[in-house]
Protein backbone atom coordinates (compact mmCIF):
# COMPACT_ATOMS: atom_id res chain seq x y z
CA MET A 1 -25.24 -73.18 84.63
CA THR A 2 -23.07 -75.95 85.02
CA LYS A 3 -19.78 -75.52 83.66
CA LYS A 4 -19.38 -78.67 81.26
CA TYR A 5 -22.78 -76.74 79.80
CA SER A 6 -21.12 -73.65 78.89
CA LEU A 7 -18.51 -75.36 77.51
CA HIS A 8 -20.53 -77.66 75.02
CA LEU A 9 -22.58 -73.96 75.05
CA ALA A 10 -19.45 -72.75 73.71
CA ILE A 11 -18.73 -74.89 71.06
CA PHE A 12 -21.69 -75.23 69.11
CA SER A 13 -21.97 -71.85 69.32
CA CYS A 14 -18.47 -71.48 67.65
CA LEU A 15 -19.70 -74.02 64.85
CA LEU A 16 -23.10 -72.32 63.99
CA LEU A 17 -20.62 -68.96 63.31
CA LEU A 18 -18.20 -71.37 61.35
CA GLN A 19 -20.75 -72.98 59.03
CA CYS A 20 -22.40 -68.77 58.50
CA LYS A 21 -21.52 -67.67 55.15
CA PRO A 22 -19.60 -63.93 55.80
CA VAL A 23 -22.06 -60.45 55.57
CA LYS A 24 -21.98 -59.14 52.24
CA GLU A 25 -19.87 -55.82 52.75
CA THR A 26 -23.12 -52.83 52.47
CA VAL A 27 -21.97 -50.67 49.21
CA GLN A 28 -22.53 -46.73 49.56
CA LEU A 29 -24.07 -45.06 47.17
CA PRO A 30 -22.36 -42.82 45.98
CA GLU A 31 -24.24 -39.78 45.23
CA ILE A 32 -24.40 -39.26 41.29
CA ILE A 33 -25.89 -36.02 39.75
CA ASP A 34 -27.68 -36.90 36.70
CA LYS A 35 -27.35 -34.65 33.26
CA PRO A 36 -28.58 -36.09 30.61
CA ILE A 37 -26.74 -35.40 26.83
CA VAL A 38 -29.23 -35.77 24.59
CA PHE A 39 -30.90 -39.07 23.22
CA ASP A 40 -33.34 -38.75 20.74
CA LYS A 41 -35.40 -40.18 17.41
CA THR A 42 -31.66 -39.63 16.04
CA ARG A 43 -29.44 -40.79 18.20
CA LYS A 44 -31.29 -44.16 18.81
CA GLN A 45 -31.47 -44.90 15.29
CA LEU A 46 -27.57 -44.32 14.49
CA SER A 47 -27.17 -45.96 18.39
CA LEU A 48 -29.25 -48.94 16.78
CA GLU A 49 -27.34 -48.98 13.46
CA TYR A 50 -24.02 -49.04 15.26
CA LEU A 51 -25.24 -52.53 17.17
CA ARG A 52 -26.15 -53.77 14.15
CA ASP A 53 -23.35 -52.92 11.60
CA ARG A 54 -20.23 -52.93 13.87
CA TYR A 55 -21.17 -56.01 16.07
CA GLY A 56 -24.14 -57.97 14.19
CA LEU A 57 -26.50 -57.00 16.60
CA GLU A 58 -29.87 -56.70 16.09
CA ARG A 59 -31.94 -54.93 18.71
CA GLU A 60 -35.12 -52.88 18.69
CA THR A 61 -33.33 -51.11 21.55
CA PRO A 62 -30.53 -49.69 21.99
CA THR A 63 -29.62 -51.29 25.59
CA ILE A 64 -26.27 -53.39 27.31
CA ILE A 65 -25.55 -56.21 29.50
CA PRO A 66 -22.69 -54.91 31.01
CA ARG A 67 -19.74 -57.24 31.67
CA MET A 68 -16.71 -53.98 32.28
CA ILE A 69 -16.18 -50.43 33.05
CA VAL A 70 -14.01 -48.88 31.65
CA LEU A 71 -12.17 -45.63 32.48
CA HIS A 72 -11.16 -43.20 30.46
CA TRP A 73 -9.49 -38.91 30.64
CA THR A 74 -11.51 -36.80 28.81
CA VAL A 75 -8.26 -34.28 27.49
CA ILE A 76 -10.69 -31.45 27.33
CA PRO A 77 -10.71 -29.44 30.54
CA THR A 78 -14.04 -28.54 31.85
CA LEU A 79 -17.01 -30.43 32.54
CA GLU A 80 -18.99 -27.92 30.38
CA GLU A 81 -17.00 -28.14 27.32
CA ALA A 82 -16.59 -32.11 27.70
CA PHE A 83 -20.60 -31.80 28.63
CA GLU A 84 -21.52 -29.61 24.92
CA ALA A 85 -18.25 -32.08 23.23
CA PHE A 86 -21.06 -35.31 23.48
CA ASN A 87 -23.98 -32.97 23.54
CA PRO A 88 -24.66 -33.63 20.32
CA PRO A 89 -26.67 -37.05 18.66
CA THR A 90 -24.15 -36.99 15.31
CA LEU A 91 -20.98 -36.69 15.68
CA PRO A 92 -18.83 -33.25 14.66
CA ASN A 93 -16.73 -32.87 12.47
CA TRP A 94 -13.59 -32.12 14.49
CA ARG A 95 -13.61 -36.20 14.48
CA PRO A 96 -12.66 -37.63 10.94
CA ASP A 97 -10.68 -40.21 12.22
CA ILE A 98 -13.91 -42.27 13.29
CA LYS A 99 -16.68 -40.23 11.48
CA ASP A 100 -16.55 -42.14 8.46
CA VAL A 101 -17.28 -46.00 10.63
CA SER A 102 -20.65 -44.20 11.60
CA GLY A 103 -22.22 -41.07 12.34
CA LEU A 104 -23.51 -41.66 15.97
CA ASN A 105 -20.87 -38.87 18.79
CA VAL A 106 -18.85 -40.58 21.45
CA SER A 107 -20.29 -40.52 25.08
CA SER A 108 -20.36 -42.04 28.06
CA GLN A 109 -22.38 -43.12 30.67
CA PHE A 110 -20.63 -41.11 33.49
CA MET A 111 -18.62 -38.67 33.84
CA VAL A 112 -15.63 -37.39 36.91
CA ASP A 113 -15.29 -33.70 37.65
CA ARG A 114 -12.17 -32.75 38.20
CA ASP A 115 -13.35 -32.01 42.37
CA GLY A 116 -14.76 -35.41 42.19
CA SER A 117 -18.73 -34.78 41.29
CA ILE A 118 -20.09 -38.15 39.25
CA TYR A 119 -22.33 -37.05 36.57
CA ARG A 120 -24.79 -40.05 34.72
CA LEU A 121 -25.63 -39.32 31.45
CA LEU A 122 -26.85 -41.82 29.39
CA PRO A 123 -28.66 -44.64 31.51
CA GLU A 124 -26.22 -46.85 32.98
CA THR A 125 -27.80 -50.00 30.27
CA THR A 126 -27.93 -47.85 27.49
CA MET A 127 -25.13 -47.82 25.07
CA ALA A 128 -22.89 -45.11 24.47
CA ARG A 129 -19.55 -45.24 22.13
CA HIS A 130 -16.18 -45.14 23.97
CA VAL A 131 -14.17 -47.50 23.01
CA ILE A 132 -14.03 -49.93 20.38
CA GLY A 133 -14.99 -53.53 19.66
CA LEU A 134 -16.81 -53.21 23.12
CA ASN A 135 -19.53 -50.65 23.45
CA HIS A 136 -22.16 -53.66 23.59
CA CYS A 137 -21.28 -54.80 26.69
CA ALA A 138 -19.27 -51.47 29.06
CA ILE A 139 -20.27 -48.67 30.54
CA GLY A 140 -18.02 -45.60 30.52
CA ILE A 141 -16.07 -43.59 33.30
CA GLU A 142 -14.95 -40.08 31.36
CA ASN A 143 -12.68 -37.44 34.08
CA VAL A 144 -12.06 -34.74 32.98
CA GLY A 145 -8.19 -33.57 32.27
CA GLY A 146 -6.02 -35.53 31.61
CA THR A 147 -2.94 -32.82 30.11
CA GLU A 148 0.33 -32.96 32.03
CA ALA A 149 -1.12 -29.79 32.80
CA LEU A 150 -4.55 -31.07 33.83
CA PRO A 151 -3.46 -34.42 35.43
CA LEU A 152 -5.97 -36.34 37.31
CA THR A 153 -7.24 -35.64 40.76
CA GLU A 154 -7.09 -37.33 44.11
CA ALA A 155 -11.06 -36.15 44.20
CA GLN A 156 -12.12 -37.54 40.47
CA LEU A 157 -9.62 -41.38 42.15
CA LYS A 158 -11.78 -41.85 45.02
CA SER A 159 -15.49 -40.87 43.64
CA ASN A 160 -13.86 -44.24 40.54
CA ILE A 161 -13.28 -45.84 43.14
CA GLU A 162 -16.66 -45.12 44.54
CA LEU A 163 -18.69 -45.90 41.54
CA VAL A 164 -16.46 -48.60 40.41
CA LYS A 165 -18.09 -50.87 44.08
CA TYR A 166 -21.51 -49.36 42.99
CA LEU A 167 -21.51 -50.68 39.25
CA ALA A 168 -20.01 -53.82 40.67
CA ASP A 169 -22.52 -54.15 42.84
CA LYS A 170 -25.07 -53.90 40.95
CA TYR A 171 -24.40 -55.86 37.85
CA ALA A 172 -22.49 -58.55 36.81
CA ILE A 173 -18.73 -56.73 35.84
CA ASP A 174 -16.14 -59.66 34.65
CA TYR A 175 -13.55 -56.50 33.72
CA LEU A 176 -13.07 -52.94 34.67
CA ILE A 177 -10.17 -52.12 32.17
CA GLY A 178 -8.40 -48.26 31.37
CA HIS A 179 -9.01 -47.84 27.79
CA TYR A 180 -5.62 -48.19 26.56
CA GLU A 181 -6.27 -51.60 27.43
CA TYR A 182 -9.62 -52.05 25.18
CA THR A 183 -7.24 -53.91 22.08
CA TYR A 184 -6.00 -56.74 24.69
CA PHE A 185 -9.46 -58.21 23.83
CA GLU A 186 -8.85 -58.97 20.18
CA ASN A 187 -10.20 -63.12 19.79
CA HIS A 188 -11.95 -62.29 22.95
CA PRO A 189 -15.54 -63.69 23.23
CA LEU A 190 -16.69 -60.77 23.99
CA TRP A 191 -14.96 -58.73 21.06
CA LEU A 192 -17.22 -57.86 18.71
CA GLU A 193 -16.18 -55.15 16.35
CA LYS A 194 -15.87 -56.29 12.19
CA ASP A 195 -13.57 -54.61 10.71
CA LYS A 196 -10.13 -55.56 11.26
CA GLY A 197 -8.76 -51.61 10.44
CA TYR A 198 -11.04 -49.66 13.46
CA ARG A 199 -8.83 -49.07 15.60
CA THR A 200 -7.57 -46.18 17.71
CA GLN A 201 -4.27 -45.66 19.79
CA LYS A 202 -5.07 -45.09 23.48
CA THR A 203 -3.21 -43.94 26.93
CA ASP A 204 -6.51 -42.64 29.23
CA PRO A 205 -6.03 -42.81 32.23
CA GLY A 206 -3.01 -43.23 33.02
CA GLU A 207 -1.22 -46.77 34.30
CA ASP A 208 -0.43 -44.98 37.38
CA PHE A 209 -4.36 -43.89 37.82
CA MET A 210 -5.65 -47.52 36.47
CA GLY A 211 -3.37 -49.06 39.13
CA LYS A 212 -4.74 -47.12 41.96
CA VAL A 213 -7.90 -47.50 41.65
CA ARG A 214 -7.67 -51.81 41.08
CA ARG A 215 -5.86 -52.04 44.40
CA ALA A 216 -8.81 -50.09 45.76
CA THR A 217 -10.97 -52.43 44.65
CA LYS A 218 -8.89 -55.73 44.54
CA ASN A 219 -10.84 -57.80 46.39
CA LEU A 220 -14.40 -57.10 43.81
CA ASN A 221 -12.28 -60.21 42.65
CA PHE A 222 -12.27 -58.76 38.42
CA ALA A 223 -11.19 -61.13 35.88
CA PRO A 224 -7.89 -60.38 34.68
CA VAL A 225 -7.79 -58.28 31.43
CA PRO A 226 -6.24 -59.89 28.39
CA LYS A 227 -1.94 -60.11 28.50
CA LYS A 228 -0.88 -57.54 25.78
CA PRO A 229 -0.06 -58.78 22.26
CA ILE A 230 3.49 -59.16 20.96
CA THR A 231 3.70 -57.59 18.19
CA PRO A 232 6.67 -58.64 15.57
């Protein structure tokens, strides 16, 4: 092979490489343990009523098209206690602050234990009641703990990052938010809550935890969260 031919071959190979699209990063499927909460006729009916009454959405099944991932903390100290809180279809008496809005119990699609174990409580495209105004398009990830005595762990951080990557690879996710940021979406096209007085103040999962998850997933290029409204 002549030097001239070798040079031409090398140039041609380089041009081919430049035309090739970058290979998409392979997302490793995190270990997910299915631990379903009760989803009976009552929960299904209450979910459909929630979609209709809160958002004006008439559905035959309480399914969502995920556009957002919302990170939470439970404040409840153990996995089993948190699971028992979410498991009943109807809201317990210790949540009078939101009971008048709907009898549907709170829940989420995922829960991450303090050792990092990931549990799926509901199918990913089944609506859960975990974030005002956005349940119709949001997948919720609850983290066990979140108190001063039980701050979220490094194992939970790692699992949240893995789970966000998995969900973003599977669905057309536009936003990754902390629960404390949900009101920033008022007046956004995704915001469908009809009742202007139905809001609760949230701090979960903490700005530090949220910042670490965002930095670890910045290559996913989520859309920026709307700016916090300026209060008079």
